[in-house]
Amino acid sequence: MNGAADGVWARRYDIPSEKPLWGIEGAVHMPAATIAPGQTSSGHFEIYAGPKLYHKLASFGHNEAEIMNFGIFKLVSQFLLNFMNWLHSVVGSYAIAILALTTVIRLVLWPVQAKANRSMKQTAALGPRMQELKEKYKDDPTKMNSEVMKLYKQYGINPVGGCLPMVIQIPIFFGLYTMLGQAVELRNERFLWVSDLSQPDTVTHLFGYPINILPLCMAATQVWLMQMTPKTGDPTQRRIMMFTPLIFMFICYNFAAALALYYTAQNLFSILQFYQTRNQPMPALTKIAPAGKGGRK
């Protein structure tokens, strides 16, 4: 029998029993073949029936691991899954492994976040001068934006410097989001009130709606973090950013509790870092001399 299978189907069916029990039936479709009288043809198939364990699927050598569907952040998801499994082999708990993973990521990003915090403080220090420019050029937005950017340049401030940690965390967040949705290792893993880290941590229902504690904690810590962040930028933009906790809570609310656990932990690390830096003196604003006049180039 020549050629590879070009189709497959499967469906679940109920098996009569005292407890809920299901079976799976299916078939593989092969391309048409011509067999001459008196001849025989045979085919060889390999079927894996088991959990979607990435390291096991990757060991088969026929791209079986692609069934994980990690998407565009595949490399990030693979790294985070392998690292989480390694941490689990050390600490013996997937909940602790997730917290350890969060700790490692935050320590790696600590210098980047510290620089971003300094940039936000410098931007906040420029607030009065920026307000003067906005008042002066309120009827000419183009000129106002030009003068604001010139002010940033004079003091060597990157206006988007405070956004860098968030940009770095986007692939981490979505890589983790995809990975945790596929990681069968988290099934039935407990943590405090959470009975299964691969499912939402529903504790009760209110008017038919599930009450999930970790996503609410995640949103609360994110609001707390935003309240600590120096107020910079346009007021309209700040009001829009206030919806960010609600957006993330919506994304995570009915997802695996492990994702909300990770994000809540990393918010707490960010809050700790802000507390560590908030009492430091405001960075001095020093103009940068133009190139060619002894200033920094």
C-alpha atoms as a PDB file:
ATOM      1  CA  MET A   1       0.000   0.000   0.000  1.00  0.00           C
ATOM      2  CA  ASN A   2       1.664   3.192  -1.171  1.00  0.00           C
ATOM      3  CA  GLY A   3       1.065   6.748  -0.052  1.00  0.00           C
ATOM      4  CA  ALA A   4       0.272   8.343   3.255  1.00  0.00           C
ATOM      5  CA  ALA A   5      -3.130   8.730   4.833  1.00  0.00           C
ATOM      6  CA  ASP A   6      -4.945  11.819   3.576  1.00  0.00           C
ATOM      7  CA  GLY A   7      -7.737  12.014   6.142  1.00  0.00           C
ATOM      8  CA  VAL A   8      -8.777  10.986   9.594  1.00  0.00           C
ATOM      9  CA  TRP A   9     -11.910  11.227  11.697  1.00  0.00           C
ATOM     10  CA  ALA A  10     -12.862  10.334  15.236  1.00  0.00           C
ATOM     11  CA  ARG A  11     -15.758  10.805  17.585  1.00  0.00           C
ATOM     12  CA  ARG A  12     -16.574  10.187  21.197  1.00  0.00           C
ATOM     13  CA  TYR A  13     -19.397   7.883  22.223  1.00  0.00           C
ATOM     14  CA  ASP A  14     -20.969   6.969  25.529  1.00  0.00           C
ATOM     15  CA  ILE A  15     -20.321   3.597  27.139  1.00  0.00           C
ATOM     16  CA  PRO A  16     -23.230   2.431  29.318  1.00  0.00           C
ATOM     17  CA  SER A  17     -21.972   2.221  32.898  1.00  0.00           C
ATOM     18  CA  GLU A  18     -22.778   3.363  36.413  1.00  0.00           C
ATOM     19  CA  LYS A  19     -20.284   6.212  36.118  1.00  0.00           C
ATOM     20  CA  PRO A  20     -19.779   8.499  33.107  1.00  0.00           C
ATOM     21  CA  LEU A  21     -17.545   6.644  30.669  1.00  0.00           C
ATOM     22  CA  TRP A  22     -16.675   7.383  27.063  1.00  0.00           C
ATOM     23  CA  GLY A  23     -14.923   5.651  24.228  1.00  0.00           C
ATOM     24  CA  ILE A  24     -13.445   6.910  20.965  1.00  0.00           C
ATOM     25  CA  GLU A  25     -13.929   5.422  17.526  1.00  0.00           C
ATOM     26  CA  GLY A  26     -12.416   6.588  14.292  1.00  0.00           C
ATOM     27  CA  ALA A  27     -10.847   5.696  10.973  1.00  0.00           C
ATOM     28  CA  VAL A  28      -8.025   6.680   8.657  1.00  0.00           C
ATOM     29  CA  HIS A  29      -8.703   7.388   4.986  1.00  0.00           C
ATOM     30  CA  MET A  30      -6.124   6.120   2.524  1.00  0.00           C
ATOM     31  CA  PRO A  31      -5.769   7.142  -1.138  1.00  0.00           C
ATOM     32  CA  ALA A  32      -7.160   4.750  -3.725  1.00  0.00           C
ATOM     33  CA  ALA A  33      -4.873   1.843  -4.615  1.00  0.00           C
ATOM     34  CA  THR A  34      -4.957  -0.753  -7.376  1.00  0.00           C
ATOM     35  CA  ILE A  35      -4.242  -4.342  -6.367  1.00  0.00           C
ATOM     36  CA  ALA A  36      -3.764  -6.869  -9.163  1.00  0.00           C
ATOM     37  CA  PRO A  37      -5.435 -10.299  -8.873  1.00  0.00           C
ATOM     38  CA  GLY A  38      -3.411 -12.627  -6.683  1.00  0.00           C
ATOM     39  CA  GLN A  39      -1.404  -9.810  -5.116  1.00  0.00           C
ATOM     40  CA  THR A  40      -1.595  -8.507  -1.578  1.00  0.00           C
ATOM     41  CA  SER A  41      -0.869  -5.152  -0.045  1.00  0.00           C
ATOM     42  CA  SER A  42      -0.242  -4.224   3.569  1.00  0.00           C
ATOM     43  CA  GLY A  43       0.187  -1.016   5.484  1.00  0.00           C
ATOM     44  CA  HIS A  44       1.853  -0.088   8.756  1.00  0.00           C
ATOM     45  CA  PHE A  45       0.336   2.403  11.203  1.00  0.00           C
ATOM     46  CA  GLU A  46       1.477   3.846  14.477  1.00  0.00           C
ATOM     47  CA  ILE A  47      -1.193   5.099  16.863  1.00  0.00           C
ATOM     48  CA  TYR A  48      -0.464   6.990  20.069  1.00  0.00           C
ATOM     49  CA  ALA A  49      -3.301   7.026  22.573  1.00  0.00           C
ATOM     50  CA  GLY A  50      -2.258   8.981  25.609  1.00  0.00           C
ATOM     51  CA  PRO A  51      -1.886  12.436  27.180  1.00  0.00           C
ATOM     52  CA  LYS A  52      -0.362  15.336  25.253  1.00  0.00           C
ATOM     53  CA  LEU A  53       3.015  15.266  26.987  1.00  0.00           C
ATOM     54  CA  TYR A  54       5.305  17.436  24.890  1.00  0.00           C
ATOM     55  CA  HIS A  55       8.571  15.669  25.745  1.00  0.00           C
ATOM     56  CA  LYS A  56       7.017  12.293  24.884  1.00  0.00           C
ATOM     57  CA  LEU A  57       5.478  13.465  21.609  1.00  0.00           C
ATOM     58  CA  ALA A  58       8.730  15.190  20.596  1.00  0.00           C
ATOM     59  CA  SER A  59      10.623  11.920  21.101  1.00  0.00           C
ATOM     60  CA  PHE A  60       8.670  10.090  18.368  1.00  0.00           C
ATOM     61  CA  GLY A  61      10.497  11.878  15.583  1.00  0.00           C
ATOM     62  CA  HIS A  62       7.623  12.418  13.123  1.00  0.00           C
ATOM     63  CA  ASN A  63       6.527  15.921  14.148  1.00  0.00           C
ATOM     64  CA  GLU A  64       3.939  14.503  16.532  1.00  0.00           C
ATOM     65  CA  ALA A  65       4.691  17.401  18.901  1.00  0.00           C
ATOM     66  CA  GLU A  66       3.001  19.779  16.434  1.00  0.00           C
ATOM     67  CA  ILE A  67      -0.313  18.597  17.868  1.00  0.00           C
ATOM     68  CA  MET A  68       0.415  20.922  20.810  1.00  0.00           C
ATOM     69  CA  ASN A  69      -0.575  23.901  18.587  1.00  0.00           C
ATOM     70  CA  PHE A  70       1.666  26.399  20.351  1.00  0.00           C
ATOM     71  CA  GLY A  71       1.144  28.974  17.574  1.00  0.00           C
ATOM     72  CA  ILE A  72       3.351  31.949  16.731  1.00  0.00           C
ATOM     73  CA  PHE A  73       5.006  31.926  20.176  1.00  0.00           C
ATOM     74  CA  LYS A  74       5.958  28.283  19.785  1.00  0.00           C
ATOM     75  CA  LEU A  75       9.569  28.710  20.914  1.00  0.00           C
ATOM     76  CA  VAL A  76       8.503  30.672  23.992  1.00  0.00           C
ATOM     77  CA  SER A  77       5.856  28.079  24.893  1.00  0.00           C
ATOM     78  CA  GLN A  78       8.295  25.189  24.432  1.00  0.00           C
ATOM     79  CA  PHE A  79      10.933  26.872  26.607  1.00  0.00           C
ATOM     80  CA  LEU A  80       8.460  27.751  29.361  1.00  0.00           C
ATOM     81  CA  LEU A  81       6.971  24.240  29.377  1.00  0.00           C
ATOM     82  CA  ASN A  82      10.387  22.543  29.542  1.00  0.00           C
ATOM     83  CA  PHE A  83      11.582  24.969  32.214  1.00  0.00           C
ATOM     84  CA  MET A  84       8.400  24.507  34.261  1.00  0.00           C
ATOM     85  CA  ASN A  85       8.756  20.715  34.073  1.00  0.00           C
ATOM     86  CA  TRP A  86      12.381  20.960  35.151  1.00  0.00           C
ATOM     87  CA  LEU A  87      11.414  23.158  38.104  1.00  0.00           C
ATOM     88  CA  HIS A  88       8.720  20.636  39.009  1.00  0.00           C
ATOM     89  CA  SER A  89      11.335  17.883  39.051  1.00  0.00           C
ATOM     90  CA  VAL A  90      13.219  19.954  41.643  1.00  0.00           C
ATOM     91  CA  VAL A  91      10.410  21.262  43.877  1.00  0.00           C
ATOM     92  CA  GLY A  92       7.820  18.494  43.383  1.00  0.00           C
ATOM     93  CA  SER A  93       4.812  20.817  42.929  1.00  0.00           C
ATOM     94  CA  TYR A  94       3.570  22.493  39.760  1.00  0.00           C
ATOM     95  CA  ALA A  95       2.113  25.400  41.744  1.00  0.00           C
ATOM     96  CA  ILE A  96       5.495  26.048  43.369  1.00  0.00           C
ATOM     97  CA  ALA A  97       7.145  25.514  39.971  1.00  0.00           C
ATOM     98  CA  ILE A  98       4.952  28.259  38.474  1.00  0.00           C
ATOM     99  CA  LEU A  99       5.838  30.615  41.333  1.00  0.00           C
ATOM    100  CA  ALA A 100       9.526  29.754  40.862  1.00  0.00           C
ATOM    101  CA  LEU A 101       9.186  30.372  37.109  1.00  0.00           C
ATOM    102  CA  THR A 102       7.637  33.759  37.866  1.00  0.00           C
ATOM    103  CA  THR A 103      10.499  34.575  40.235  1.00  0.00           C
ATOM    104  CA  VAL A 104      13.144  33.726  37.636  1.00  0.00           C
ATOM    105  CA  ILE A 105      11.416  35.793  34.939  1.00  0.00           C
ATOM    106  CA  ARG A 106      11.035  38.779  37.257  1.00  0.00           C
ATOM    107  CA  LEU A 107      14.678  38.610  38.361  1.00  0.00           C
ATOM    108  CA  VAL A 108      15.778  38.558  34.720  1.00  0.00           C
ATOM    109  CA  LEU A 109      13.536  41.554  33.954  1.00  0.00           C
ATOM    110  CA  TRP A 110      14.390  43.412  37.185  1.00  0.00           C
ATOM    111  CA  PRO A 111      17.083  45.673  35.617  1.00  0.00           C
ATOM    112  CA  VAL A 112      14.803  46.420  32.645  1.00  0.00           C
ATOM    113  CA  GLN A 113      11.933  47.297  34.980  1.00  0.00           C
ATOM    114  CA  ALA A 114      14.224  49.438  37.138  1.00  0.00           C
ATOM    115  CA  LYS A 115      15.277  51.415  34.080  1.00  0.00           C
ATOM    116  CA  ALA A 116      11.645  51.766  33.014  1.00  0.00           C
ATOM    117  CA  ASN A 117      10.694  53.028  36.491  1.00  0.00           C
ATOM    118  CA  ARG A 118      13.444  55.633  36.311  1.00  0.00           C
ATOM    119  CA  SER A 119      12.247  56.708  32.856  1.00  0.00           C
ATOM    120  CA  MET A 120       8.687  57.095  34.157  1.00  0.00           C
ATOM    121  CA  LYS A 121       9.930  59.170  37.111  1.00  0.00           C
ATOM    122  CA  GLN A 122      11.901  61.426  34.770  1.00  0.00           C
ATOM    123  CA  THR A 123       8.847  61.841  32.565  1.00  0.00           C
ATOM    124  CA  ALA A 124       6.749  62.679  35.618  1.00  0.00           C
ATOM    125  CA  ALA A 125       9.350  65.286  36.652  1.00  0.00           C
ATOM    126  CA  LEU A 126       8.903  66.957  33.274  1.00  0.00           C
ATOM    127  CA  GLY A 127       5.156  67.167  33.888  1.00  0.00           C
ATOM    128  CA  PRO A 128       4.998  70.902  34.769  1.00  0.00           C
ATOM    129  CA  ARG A 129       7.081  71.898  31.729  1.00  0.00           C
ATOM    130  CA  MET A 130       5.016  69.704  29.452  1.00  0.00           C
ATOM    131  CA  GLN A 131       1.849  71.274  30.829  1.00  0.00           C
ATOM    132  CA  GLU A 132       3.244  74.721  30.029  1.00  0.00           C
ATOM    133  CA  LEU A 133       3.848  73.630  26.435  1.00  0.00           C
ATOM    134  CA  LYS A 134       0.332  72.227  26.166  1.00  0.00           C
ATOM    135  CA  GLU A 135      -1.119  75.494  27.402  1.00  0.00           C
ATOM    136  CA  LYS A 136       1.131  77.545  25.140  1.00  0.00           C
ATOM    137  CA  TYR A 137       0.371  75.546  21.980  1.00  0.00           C
ATOM    138  CA  LYS A 138      -3.142  74.340  22.800  1.00  0.00           C
ATOM    139  CA  ASP A 139      -4.374  75.638  19.447  1.00  0.00           C
ATOM    140  CA  ASP A 140      -1.561  73.973  17.478  1.00  0.00           C
ATOM    141  CA  PRO A 141      -1.331  70.243  18.345  1.00  0.00           C
ATOM    142  CA  THR A 142       1.369  69.602  15.763  1.00  0.00           C
ATOM    143  CA  LYS A 143       3.630  72.290  17.204  1.00  0.00           C
ATOM    144  CA  MET A 144       2.843  71.111  20.731  1.00  0.00           C
ATOM    145  CA  ASN A 145       3.872  67.526  19.943  1.00  0.00           C
ATOM    146  CA  SER A 146       7.030  68.766  18.245  1.00  0.00           C
ATOM    147  CA  GLU A 147       8.006  70.856  21.280  1.00  0.00           C
ATOM    148  CA  VAL A 148       7.238  67.992  23.688  1.00  0.00           C
ATOM    149  CA  MET A 149       9.463  65.630  21.707  1.00  0.00           C
ATOM    150  CA  LYS A 150      12.170  68.310  21.655  1.00  0.00           C
ATOM    151  CA  LEU A 151      11.884  68.540  25.439  1.00  0.00           C
ATOM    152  CA  TYR A 152      12.339  64.791  25.756  1.00  0.00           C
ATOM    153  CA  LYS A 153      15.403  64.966  23.528  1.00  0.00           C
ATOM    154  CA  GLN A 154      16.932  67.849  25.515  1.00  0.00           C
ATOM    155  CA  TYR A 155      16.875  65.777  28.694  1.00  0.00           C
ATOM    156  CA  GLY A 156      17.715  62.435  27.085  1.00  0.00           C
ATOM    157  CA  ILE A 157      14.418  60.806  28.055  1.00  0.00           C
ATOM    158  CA  ASN A 158      12.864  58.019  26.032  1.00  0.00           C
ATOM    159  CA  PRO A 159       9.087  58.700  26.118  1.00  0.00           C
ATOM    160  CA  VAL A 160       8.300  55.015  25.593  1.00  0.00           C
ATOM    161  CA  GLY A 161      10.978  53.717  27.968  1.00  0.00           C
ATOM    162  CA  GLY A 162       8.357  52.804  30.557  1.00  0.00           C
ATOM    163  CA  CYS A 163       6.610  50.516  28.070  1.00  0.00           C
ATOM    164  CA  LEU A 164       9.614  48.248  27.401  1.00  0.00           C
ATOM    165  CA  PRO A 165       8.882  45.706  30.175  1.00  0.00           C
ATOM    166  CA  MET A 166       5.302  45.388  28.928  1.00  0.00           C
ATOM    167  CA  VAL A 167       6.505  44.814  25.356  1.00  0.00           C
ATOM    168  CA  ILE A 168       8.887  42.096  26.555  1.00  0.00           C
ATOM    169  CA  GLN A 169       6.149  40.440  28.577  1.00  0.00           C
ATOM    170  CA  ILE A 170       3.694  40.191  25.661  1.00  0.00           C
ATOM    171  CA  PRO A 171       5.329  37.089  24.095  1.00  0.00           C
ATOM    172  CA  ILE A 172       5.862  35.634  27.586  1.00  0.00           C
ATOM    173  CA  PHE A 173       2.192  36.135  28.473  1.00  0.00           C
ATOM    174  CA  PHE A 174       0.788  34.700  25.247  1.00  0.00           C
ATOM    175  CA  GLY A 175       3.403  31.935  25.161  1.00  0.00           C
ATOM    176  CA  LEU A 176       2.386  30.987  28.690  1.00  0.00           C
ATOM    177  CA  TYR A 177      -1.306  31.386  27.813  1.00  0.00           C
ATOM    178  CA  THR A 178      -0.961  28.888  24.965  1.00  0.00           C
ATOM    179  CA  MET A 179       1.305  26.523  26.906  1.00  0.00           C
ATOM    180  CA  LEU A 180      -0.919  26.320  29.968  1.00  0.00           C
ATOM    181  CA  GLY A 181      -3.894  25.567  27.767  1.00  0.00           C
ATOM    182  CA  GLN A 182      -2.069  22.487  26.435  1.00  0.00           C
ATOM    183  CA  ALA A 183      -0.060  21.352  29.485  1.00  0.00           C
ATOM    184  CA  VAL A 184      -1.703  18.141  30.651  1.00  0.00           C
ATOM    185  CA  GLU A 185       0.842  18.044  33.479  1.00  0.00           C
ATOM    186  CA  LEU A 186      -1.259  20.554  35.427  1.00  0.00           C
ATOM    187  CA  ARG A 187      -4.342  18.337  35.504  1.00  0.00           C
ATOM    188  CA  ASN A 188      -5.545  17.674  39.078  1.00  0.00           C
ATOM    189  CA  GLU A 189      -2.610  19.652  40.511  1.00  0.00           C
ATOM    190  CA  ARG A 190      -3.767  21.380  43.702  1.00  0.00           C
ATOM    191  CA  PHE A 191      -2.793  24.708  45.276  1.00  0.00           C
ATOM    192  CA  LEU A 192      -4.508  26.115  48.359  1.00  0.00           C
ATOM    193  CA  TRP A 193      -8.227  26.277  47.391  1.00  0.00           C
ATOM    194  CA  VAL A 194      -7.487  25.372  43.754  1.00  0.00           C
ATOM    195  CA  SER A 195      -8.301  21.716  43.063  1.00  0.00           C
ATOM    196  CA  ASP A 196      -7.065  21.698  39.451  1.00  0.00           C
ATOM    197  CA  LEU A 197      -4.553  24.193  38.043  1.00  0.00           C
ATOM    198  CA  SER A 198      -5.615  23.307  34.494  1.00  0.00           C
ATOM    199  CA  GLN A 199      -9.165  24.550  35.183  1.00  0.00           C
ATOM    200  CA  PRO A 200     -10.681  27.788  36.531  1.00  0.00           C
ATOM    201  CA  ASP A 201     -10.557  28.021  40.322  1.00  0.00           C
ATOM    202  CA  THR A 202     -14.320  28.319  40.745  1.00  0.00           C
ATOM    203  CA  VAL A 203     -15.283  28.357  44.435  1.00  0.00           C
ATOM    204  CA  THR A 204     -19.006  29.039  44.051  1.00  0.00           C
ATOM    205  CA  HIS A 205     -21.635  30.482  41.720  1.00  0.00           C
ATOM    206  CA  LEU A 206     -23.505  33.758  42.122  1.00  0.00           C
ATOM    207  CA  PHE A 207     -26.705  34.125  40.103  1.00  0.00           C
ATOM    208  CA  GLY A 208     -25.419  31.367  37.856  1.00  0.00           C
ATOM    209  CA  TYR A 209     -22.022  32.986  37.240  1.00  0.00           C
ATOM    210  CA  PRO A 210     -18.805  31.306  38.472  1.00  0.00           C
ATOM    211  CA  ILE A 211     -16.771  33.109  41.120  1.00  0.00           C
ATOM    212  CA  ASN A 212     -13.086  32.568  40.295  1.00  0.00           C
ATOM    213  CA  ILE A 213     -10.768  33.984  42.951  1.00  0.00           C
ATOM    214  CA  LEU A 214      -7.366  34.093  41.215  1.00  0.00           C
ATOM    215  CA  PRO A 215      -8.468  36.242  38.222  1.00  0.00           C
ATOM    216  CA  LEU A 216     -10.050  38.690  40.684  1.00  0.00           C
ATOM    217  CA  CYS A 217      -6.778  38.793  42.661  1.00  0.00           C
ATOM    218  CA  MET A 218      -4.913  39.332  39.403  1.00  0.00           C
ATOM    219  CA  ALA A 219      -7.119  42.301  38.446  1.00  0.00           C
ATOM    220  CA  ALA A 220      -6.886  43.780  41.955  1.00  0.00           C
ATOM    221  CA  THR A 221      -3.071  43.617  42.023  1.00  0.00           C
ATOM    222  CA  GLN A 222      -2.937  45.137  38.525  1.00  0.00           C
ATOM    223  CA  VAL A 223      -5.117  48.075  39.642  1.00  0.00           C
ATOM    224  CA  TRP A 224      -2.874  48.458  42.714  1.00  0.00           C
ATOM    225  CA  LEU A 225       0.179  48.481  40.454  1.00  0.00           C
ATOM    226  CA  MET A 226      -1.341  51.101  38.131  1.00  0.00           C
ATOM    227  CA  GLN A 227      -2.139  53.339  41.099  1.00  0.00           C
ATOM    228  CA  MET A 228       1.540  53.240  42.081  1.00  0.00           C
ATOM    229  CA  THR A 229       2.793  54.021  38.574  1.00  0.00           C
ATOM    230  CA  PRO A 230       3.751  57.679  38.006  1.00  0.00           C
ATOM    231  CA  LYS A 231       1.007  59.466  36.079  1.00  0.00           C
ATOM    232  CA  THR A 232       2.448  60.318  32.669  1.00  0.00           C
ATOM    233  CA  GLY A 233       1.062  60.817  29.191  1.00  0.00           C
ATOM    234  CA  ASP A 234      -2.270  62.127  28.014  1.00  0.00           C
ATOM    235  CA  PRO A 235      -5.176  61.902  30.537  1.00  0.00           C
ATOM    236  CA  THR A 236      -7.346  60.207  27.914  1.00  0.00           C
ATOM    237  CA  GLN A 237      -4.691  57.538  27.386  1.00  0.00           C
ATOM    238  CA  ARG A 238      -4.458  56.996  31.151  1.00  0.00           C
ATOM    239  CA  ARG A 239      -8.223  56.518  31.370  1.00  0.00           C
ATOM    240  CA  ILE A 240      -8.068  53.959  28.561  1.00  0.00           C
ATOM    241  CA  MET A 241      -5.235  52.135  30.326  1.00  0.00           C
ATOM    242  CA  MET A 242      -7.443  51.806  33.405  1.00  0.00           C
ATOM    243  CA  PHE A 243      -9.443  49.238  31.438  1.00  0.00           C
ATOM    244  CA  THR A 244      -6.367  46.998  31.080  1.00  0.00           C
ATOM    245  CA  PRO A 245      -7.054  45.028  34.302  1.00  0.00           C
ATOM    246  CA  LEU A 246     -10.591  44.306  33.110  1.00  0.00           C
ATOM    247  CA  ILE A 247      -9.309  43.126  29.733  1.00  0.00           C
ATOM    248  CA  PHE A 248      -6.779  40.755  31.283  1.00  0.00           C
ATOM    249  CA  MET A 249      -9.357  39.515  33.782  1.00  0.00           C
ATOM    250  CA  PHE A 250     -11.737  38.798  30.890  1.00  0.00           C
ATOM    251  CA  ILE A 251      -8.995  36.850  29.069  1.00  0.00           C
ATOM    252  CA  CYS A 252      -8.011  34.818  32.128  1.00  0.00           C
ATOM    253  CA  TYR A 253     -11.321  34.464  33.953  1.00  0.00           C
ATOM    254  CA  ASN A 254     -12.375  31.075  32.587  1.00  0.00           C
ATOM    255  CA  PHE A 255      -8.891  29.908  31.638  1.00  0.00           C
ATOM    256  CA  ALA A 256      -6.522  27.668  33.592  1.00  0.00           C
ATOM    257  CA  ALA A 257      -5.999  28.912  37.152  1.00  0.00           C
ATOM    258  CA  ALA A 258      -2.247  28.504  36.583  1.00  0.00           C
ATOM    259  CA  LEU A 259      -2.205  31.533  34.257  1.00  0.00           C
ATOM    260  CA  ALA A 260      -3.896  33.804  36.800  1.00  0.00           C
ATOM    261  CA  LEU A 261      -1.531  32.451  39.457  1.00  0.00           C
ATOM    262  CA  TYR A 262       1.481  33.412  37.329  1.00  0.00           C
ATOM    263  CA  TYR A 263       0.163  36.876  36.478  1.00  0.00           C
ATOM    264  CA  THR A 264      -0.864  37.643  40.075  1.00  0.00           C
ATOM    265  CA  ALA A 265       2.595  36.629  41.298  1.00  0.00           C
ATOM    266  CA  GLN A 266       4.366  38.770  38.722  1.00  0.00           C
ATOM    267  CA  ASN A 267       2.139  41.759  39.630  1.00  0.00           C
ATOM    268  CA  LEU A 268       3.176  41.325  43.265  1.00  0.00           C
ATOM    269  CA  PHE A 269       6.838  41.303  42.207  1.00  0.00           C
ATOM    270  CA  SER A 270       6.276  44.531  40.256  1.00  0.00           C
ATOM    271  CA  ILE A 271       4.582  46.121  43.289  1.00  0.00           C
ATOM    272  CA  LEU A 272       7.534  45.057  45.453  1.00  0.00           C
ATOM    273  CA  GLN A 273       9.927  46.682  43.008  1.00  0.00           C
ATOM    274  CA  PHE A 274       7.907  49.896  42.934  1.00  0.00           C
ATOM    275  CA  TYR A 275       7.939  50.009  46.752  1.00  0.00           C
ATOM    276  CA  GLN A 276      11.689  49.485  46.622  1.00  0.00           C
ATOM    277  CA  THR A 277      12.190  52.415  44.229  1.00  0.00           C
ATOM    278  CA  ARG A 278       9.373  54.835  45.113  1.00  0.00           C
ATOM    279  CA  ASN A 279      11.250  56.357  48.079  1.00  0.00           C
ATOM    280  CA  GLN A 280      14.373  56.952  46.042  1.00  0.00           C
ATOM    281  CA  PRO A 281      14.964  60.627  45.198  1.00  0.00           C
ATOM    282  CA  MET A 282      13.502  61.946  41.981  1.00  0.00           C
ATOM    283  CA  PRO A 283      16.105  61.668  39.189  1.00  0.00           C
ATOM    284  CA  ALA A 284      17.808  64.974  38.450  1.00  0.00           C
ATOM    285  CA  LEU A 285      16.838  66.478  35.119  1.00  0.00           C
ATOM    286  CA  THR A 286      20.014  67.455  33.280  1.00  0.00           C
ATOM    287  CA  LYS A 287      20.049  68.831  29.789  1.00  0.00           C
ATOM    288  CA  ILE A 288      22.234  67.008  27.307  1.00  0.00           C
ATOM    289  CA  ALA A 289      24.666  69.253  25.488  1.00  0.00           C
ATOM    290  CA  PRO A 290      24.323  69.104  21.697  1.00  0.00           C
ATOM    291  CA  ALA A 291      26.758  66.878  19.833  1.00  0.00           C
ATOM    292  CA  GLY A 292      30.003  68.641  19.038  1.00  0.00           C
ATOM    293  CA  LYS A 293      29.847  70.817  22.132  1.00  0.00           C
ATOM    294  CA  GLY A 294      31.281  68.378  24.626  1.00  0.00           C
ATOM    295  CA  GLY A 295      27.964  66.651  25.254  1.00  0.00           C
ATOM    296  CA  ARG A 296      26.986  63.051  24.941  1.00  0.00           C
ATOM    297  CA  LYS A 297      26.656  61.923  21.381  1.00  0.00           C
END
